[in-house]
């Protein structure tokens, strides 16, 4: 009975294939289902385009493309991290954490995920969570000097200046010309009233990169020792980056209370009045 029924069904299928009217065939959709590998390649290609758009500042378009890439392939941790990057750029921090958690489920040993999470936690001022994420990531990628530097910045924000200096030193051991870490050592030393060590750090940072931050910080250190040099350095710093005239901007760069106070006193010097007024007109 079963065999004869199967023969009849098979016959009907063959007949229907050849005798379906053309009008009916037109209503039946024909889909091409590519192999899994093709899906993955397509998703990764779109993900790369999303990252390129993000690089060029097209944050909304990059977010939409990253979402499309994930809809095509949600098994790739790289695509989840790209989506998280675009969400961070669009200030969708909670969504970005969800994306990073999805990436972590796929590859829990990817250190970059922990670093990306720490970036979000820092933006949310969740310092303890940021610290934990950085420490976990550094265990996986112990040579990542940027992550070590960021951990130092967390300690600097917490006013744990000795530990901050230790982390900056760890970063500098890996990248000896890491002027940002050398500069931030100077920030920490100043809050510890170790002014000579601050001066040494800022001078070393300037020798590597003549940036506005160490120039102005060094000027603040020298205001009581060599006012002429301090004024010269301050003018140079404000010319390079007028944003450093602003107290809140310096705070964002992790300047401590003592260095802020010293800089404000330096700015009271009449010889800097013109540069300060001009810098304030250029604030972003």
Protein backbone atom coordinates (compact mmCIF):
# COMPACT_ATOMS: atom_id res chain seq x y z
CA UNK A 1 0.00 0.00 0.00
CA UNK A 2 2.74 2.48 0.96
CA UNK A 3 4.78 1.73 -2.16
CA UNK A 4 1.87 2.24 -4.56
CA UNK A 5 0.88 5.51 -2.87
CA UNK A 6 4.40 6.84 -3.16
CA UNK A 7 4.43 6.00 -6.88
CA UNK A 8 1.20 7.96 -7.40
CA UNK A 9 2.51 10.98 -5.50
CA UNK A 10 5.75 10.93 -7.47
CA UNK A 11 3.79 10.81 -10.75
CA UNK A 12 1.63 13.77 -9.72
CA UNK A 13 4.71 15.84 -8.84
CA UNK A 14 6.31 15.17 -12.24
CA UNK A 15 3.09 15.94 -14.11
CA UNK A 16 2.50 19.16 -12.14
CA UNK A 17 6.02 20.36 -12.97
CA UNK A 18 5.35 20.19 -16.71
CA UNK A 19 1.73 21.30 -16.79
CA UNK A 20 1.55 24.29 -14.39
CA UNK A 21 0.09 27.20 -16.41
CA UNK A 22 2.50 30.07 -17.11
CA UNK A 23 0.23 32.56 -15.30
CA UNK A 24 0.41 30.43 -12.18
CA UNK A 25 4.17 29.97 -12.46
CA UNK A 26 4.57 33.74 -12.50
CA UNK A 27 3.01 33.94 -9.05
CA UNK A 28 5.35 31.37 -7.55
CA UNK A 29 8.54 33.08 -6.28
CA UNK A 30 11.88 31.55 -7.12
CA UNK A 31 14.54 32.19 -4.52
CA UNK A 32 18.28 31.66 -4.73
CA UNK A 33 19.65 30.42 -1.42
CA UNK A 34 23.44 30.85 -1.39
CA UNK A 35 25.69 28.63 0.67
CA UNK A 36 26.56 29.68 4.23
CA UNK A 37 29.96 30.88 3.12
CA UNK A 38 28.38 33.34 0.71
CA UNK A 39 26.22 34.76 3.50
CA UNK A 40 29.29 35.23 5.67
CA UNK A 41 31.26 36.94 2.89
CA UNK A 42 28.36 39.25 2.10
CA UNK A 43 27.86 40.17 5.75
CA UNK A 44 31.56 40.84 6.26
CA UNK A 45 31.70 42.96 3.10
CA UNK A 46 28.82 45.12 4.32
CA UNK A 47 30.41 45.29 7.77
CA UNK A 48 33.62 46.64 6.26
CA UNK A 49 31.65 49.30 4.39
CA UNK A 50 29.92 50.24 7.64
CA UNK A 51 33.31 50.64 9.31
CA UNK A 52 34.54 52.81 6.42
CA UNK A 53 31.51 55.08 6.74
CA UNK A 54 32.15 55.33 10.48
CA UNK A 55 35.77 56.31 9.77
CA UNK A 56 34.57 59.14 7.53
CA UNK A 57 32.07 60.38 10.11
CA UNK A 58 28.87 59.12 8.51
CA UNK A 59 27.69 57.64 11.79
CA UNK A 60 23.99 57.12 11.01
CA UNK A 61 24.63 55.44 7.67
CA UNK A 62 27.32 53.28 9.24
CA UNK A 63 24.86 52.17 11.93
CA UNK A 64 22.26 51.15 9.36
CA UNK A 65 24.80 49.18 7.34
CA UNK A 66 26.15 47.47 10.45
CA UNK A 67 22.61 46.38 11.39
CA UNK A 68 22.15 44.99 7.88
CA UNK A 69 25.40 43.05 8.16
CA UNK A 70 24.23 41.46 11.42
CA UNK A 71 20.87 40.54 9.86
CA UNK A 72 22.79 38.69 7.17
CA UNK A 73 25.23 36.97 9.54
CA UNK A 74 24.83 37.10 13.32
CA UNK A 75 27.47 34.43 13.97
CA UNK A 76 30.50 36.68 13.37
CA UNK A 77 31.93 38.42 16.42
CA UNK A 78 33.68 40.97 14.19
CA UNK A 79 30.34 42.17 12.83
CA UNK A 80 28.97 42.48 16.36
CA UNK A 81 31.96 44.60 17.38
CA UNK A 82 31.55 46.79 14.29
CA UNK A 83 27.89 47.25 15.17
CA UNK A 84 28.94 48.17 18.72
CA UNK A 85 31.40 50.76 17.36
CA UNK A 86 28.67 52.40 15.29
CA UNK A 87 26.30 52.34 18.26
CA UNK A 88 28.93 53.99 20.46
CA UNK A 89 29.39 56.69 17.81
CA UNK A 90 25.63 57.27 17.88
CA UNK A 91 25.70 57.33 21.73
CA UNK A 92 23.58 54.17 21.95
CA UNK A 93 25.69 52.85 24.78
CA UNK A 94 23.28 50.26 26.20
CA UNK A 95 22.70 48.83 22.71
CA UNK A 96 26.46 48.70 22.19
CA UNK A 97 26.90 46.68 25.40
CA UNK A 98 24.29 44.18 24.15
CA UNK A 99 26.19 43.86 20.87
CA UNK A 100 29.47 43.31 22.68
CA UNK A 101 27.88 40.68 24.91
CA UNK A 102 26.73 38.86 21.76
CA UNK A 103 30.27 39.04 20.40
CA UNK A 104 31.60 37.71 23.68
CA UNK A 105 29.28 34.70 23.55
CA UNK A 106 30.79 33.80 20.19
CA UNK A 107 34.40 34.46 21.20
CA UNK A 108 34.96 34.96 24.94
CA UNK A 109 38.73 35.17 24.45
CA UNK A 110 38.69 38.27 22.28
CA UNK A 111 40.44 40.91 24.39
CA UNK A 112 39.26 43.80 22.22
CA UNK A 113 35.68 43.20 23.38
CA UNK A 114 36.67 43.92 26.98
CA UNK A 115 38.45 47.10 25.87
CA UNK A 116 35.39 48.25 23.92
CA UNK A 117 33.21 47.62 26.97
CA UNK A 118 35.56 49.66 29.13
CA UNK A 119 35.20 52.58 26.70
CA UNK A 120 31.44 52.53 27.19
CA UNK A 121 31.71 52.23 30.97
CA UNK A 122 34.07 55.22 31.04
CA UNK A 123 31.58 57.28 29.05
CA UNK A 124 28.91 56.23 31.56
CA UNK A 125 31.30 57.09 34.44
CA UNK A 126 31.14 53.50 35.70
CA UNK A 127 34.79 53.40 36.72
CA UNK A 128 34.74 50.08 38.58
CA UNK A 129 33.21 48.24 35.63
CA UNK A 130 35.65 49.95 33.27
CA UNK A 131 38.55 48.84 35.43
CA UNK A 132 37.36 45.22 35.57
CA UNK A 133 36.88 45.10 31.79
CA UNK A 134 40.33 46.55 31.15
CA UNK A 135 42.02 44.16 33.55
CA UNK A 136 40.29 41.14 31.94
CA UNK A 137 41.27 42.33 28.48
CA UNK A 138 44.88 42.96 29.50
CA UNK A 139 45.12 39.39 30.83
CA UNK A 140 44.31 38.20 27.32
CA UNK A 141 46.40 40.86 25.54
CA UNK A 142 49.16 41.85 28.00
CA UNK A 143 51.09 43.84 25.37
CA UNK A 144 48.24 46.23 24.56
CA UNK A 145 49.83 49.46 25.76
CA UNK A 146 46.75 51.53 24.90
CA UNK A 147 44.60 49.45 27.25
CA UNK A 148 47.23 49.67 30.00
CA UNK A 149 47.34 53.44 29.47
CA UNK A 150 43.55 53.58 29.77
CA UNK A 151 43.72 51.60 33.00
CA UNK A 152 46.18 54.19 34.28
CA UNK A 153 43.69 56.90 33.35
CA UNK A 154 40.99 55.17 35.40
CA UNK A 155 43.27 55.23 38.43
CA UNK A 156 44.12 58.86 37.67
CA UNK A 157 40.40 59.69 37.66
CA UNK A 158 40.02 57.88 40.98
CA UNK A 159 42.91 59.99 42.37
CA UNK A 160 44.94 56.85 42.96
CA UNK A 161 47.99 58.64 41.61
CA UNK A 162 50.69 56.15 42.63
CA UNK A 163 48.86 53.27 40.93
CA UNK A 164 48.20 55.44 37.87
CA UNK A 165 51.94 56.13 37.53
CA UNK A 166 52.65 52.40 37.80
CA UNK A 167 50.26 51.63 34.93
CA UNK A 168 51.69 54.44 32.80
CA UNK A 169 55.17 53.01 33.39
CA UNK A 170 53.90 49.57 32.30
CA UNK A 171 52.62 51.10 29.07
CA UNK A 172 55.88 52.97 28.48
CA UNK A 173 57.89 49.75 28.93
CA UNK A 174 56.06 48.37 25.89
CA UNK A 175 56.11 51.62 23.88
CA UNK A 176 59.01 53.77 24.95
CA UNK A 177 57.93 56.81 22.90
CA UNK A 178 54.38 56.79 24.28
CA UNK A 179 54.30 60.51 24.98
CA UNK A 180 50.69 60.52 26.19
CA UNK A 181 51.55 58.11 29.01
CA UNK A 182 54.66 60.14 29.86
CA UNK A 183 52.53 63.30 29.90
CA UNK A 184 49.94 61.72 32.19
CA UNK A 185 52.67 60.66 34.59
CA UNK A 186 53.35 64.39 34.87
CA UNK A 187 49.69 65.03 35.69
CA UNK A 188 49.83 62.45 38.48
CA UNK A 189 53.14 63.70 39.88
CA UNK A 190 51.80 67.26 40.09
CA UNK A 191 48.88 66.14 42.26
CA UNK A 192 51.40 64.39 44.52
CA UNK A 193 53.33 67.69 44.82
CA UNK A 194 56.32 66.12 43.05
CA UNK A 195 56.80 69.14 40.83
CA UNK A 196 60.34 68.31 39.68
CA UNK A 197 59.17 64.90 38.45
CA UNK A 198 56.25 66.62 36.74
CA UNK A 199 58.62 68.98 34.95
CA UNK A 200 60.81 66.05 33.87
CA UNK A 201 57.77 64.16 32.52
CA UNK A 202 56.33 67.12 30.62
CA UNK A 203 59.72 68.02 29.11
CA UNK A 204 60.21 64.43 27.99
CA UNK A 205 56.72 64.36 26.45
CA UNK A 206 57.43 67.63 24.58
CA UNK A 207 60.67 66.21 23.19
CA UNK A 208 58.62 63.38 21.69
CA UNK A 209 55.60 65.43 20.61
CA UNK A 210 55.35 69.20 20.98
CA UNK A 211 51.66 69.07 21.87
CA UNK A 212 49.57 71.75 23.58
CA UNK A 213 48.92 69.71 26.71
CA UNK A 214 52.48 69.15 27.98
CA UNK A 215 53.42 72.68 26.86
CA UNK A 216 50.73 74.28 29.01
CA UNK A 217 51.25 71.85 31.88
CA UNK A 218 54.97 72.63 31.89
CA UNK A 219 54.14 76.34 31.85
CA UNK A 220 52.05 75.85 34.99
CA UNK A 221 54.93 74.03 36.65
CA UNK A 222 57.35 76.85 35.85
CA UNK A 223 55.21 79.86 36.70
CA UNK A 224 56.96 80.32 40.06
CA UNK A 225 60.43 79.37 38.79
CA UNK A 226 60.70 81.04 35.40
CA UNK A 227 57.70 83.22 34.55
CA UNK A 228 59.09 84.34 31.18
CA UNK A 229 59.50 80.77 29.98
CA UNK A 230 56.09 79.88 31.43
CA UNK A 231 54.42 82.69 29.47
CA UNK A 232 56.25 81.66 26.29
CA UNK A 233 55.13 78.04 26.69
CA UNK A 234 51.54 79.01 27.53
CA UNK A 235 51.28 81.20 24.43
CA UNK A 236 52.61 78.38 22.29
CA UNK A 237 50.17 75.90 23.82
CA UNK A 238 47.10 78.10 23.29
CA UNK A 239 48.17 78.78 19.73
CA UNK A 240 48.38 75.03 19.06
CA UNK A 241 45.09 74.17 20.76
CA UNK A 242 42.86 77.01 22.05
CA UNK A 243 40.62 74.50 23.82
CA UNK A 244 43.13 74.32 26.66
CA UNK A 245 42.04 77.78 27.77
CA UNK A 246 38.83 76.16 29.01
CA UNK A 247 38.73 74.68 32.52
CA UNK A 248 36.20 71.97 31.61
CA UNK A 249 38.18 70.89 28.57
CA UNK A 250 41.27 70.42 30.73
CA UNK A 251 39.18 68.47 33.21
CA UNK A 252 38.14 66.13 30.40
CA UNK A 253 41.84 65.58 29.76
CA UNK A 254 42.11 64.43 33.40
CA UNK A 255 43.87 67.48 34.82
CA UNK A 256 43.73 67.36 38.60
CA UNK A 257 42.63 70.07 41.02
CA UNK A 258 46.14 71.30 41.84
CA UNK A 259 47.25 71.63 38.24
CA UNK A 260 43.97 73.32 37.34
CA UNK A 261 44.43 75.84 40.12
CA UNK A 262 48.02 76.52 39.08
CA UNK A 263 46.97 77.05 35.46
CA UNK A 264 44.16 79.45 36.41
CA UNK A 265 46.68 81.53 38.37
CA UNK A 266 49.03 81.52 35.40
CA UNK A 267 46.21 82.81 33.20
CA UNK A 268 45.83 85.83 35.50
CA UNK A 269 49.13 87.16 34.15
CA UNK A 270 48.42 90.31 32.06
CA UNK A 271 50.95 89.19 29.44
CA UNK A 272 48.60 86.32 28.51
CA UNK A 273 45.41 88.41 28.30
CA UNK A 274 45.49 88.80 24.52
CA UNK A 275 46.15 85.08 23.87
CA UNK A 276 43.44 84.03 26.35
CA UNK A 277 40.80 86.30 24.79
CA UNK A 278 41.70 85.07 21.31
CA UNK A 279 41.65 81.41 22.41
CA UNK A 280 38.18 81.81 23.90
CA UNK A 281 36.87 83.00 20.51
CA UNK A 282 38.14 79.76 19.00
CA UNK A 283 36.54 77.36 21.48
CA UNK A 284 34.78 74.42 19.85
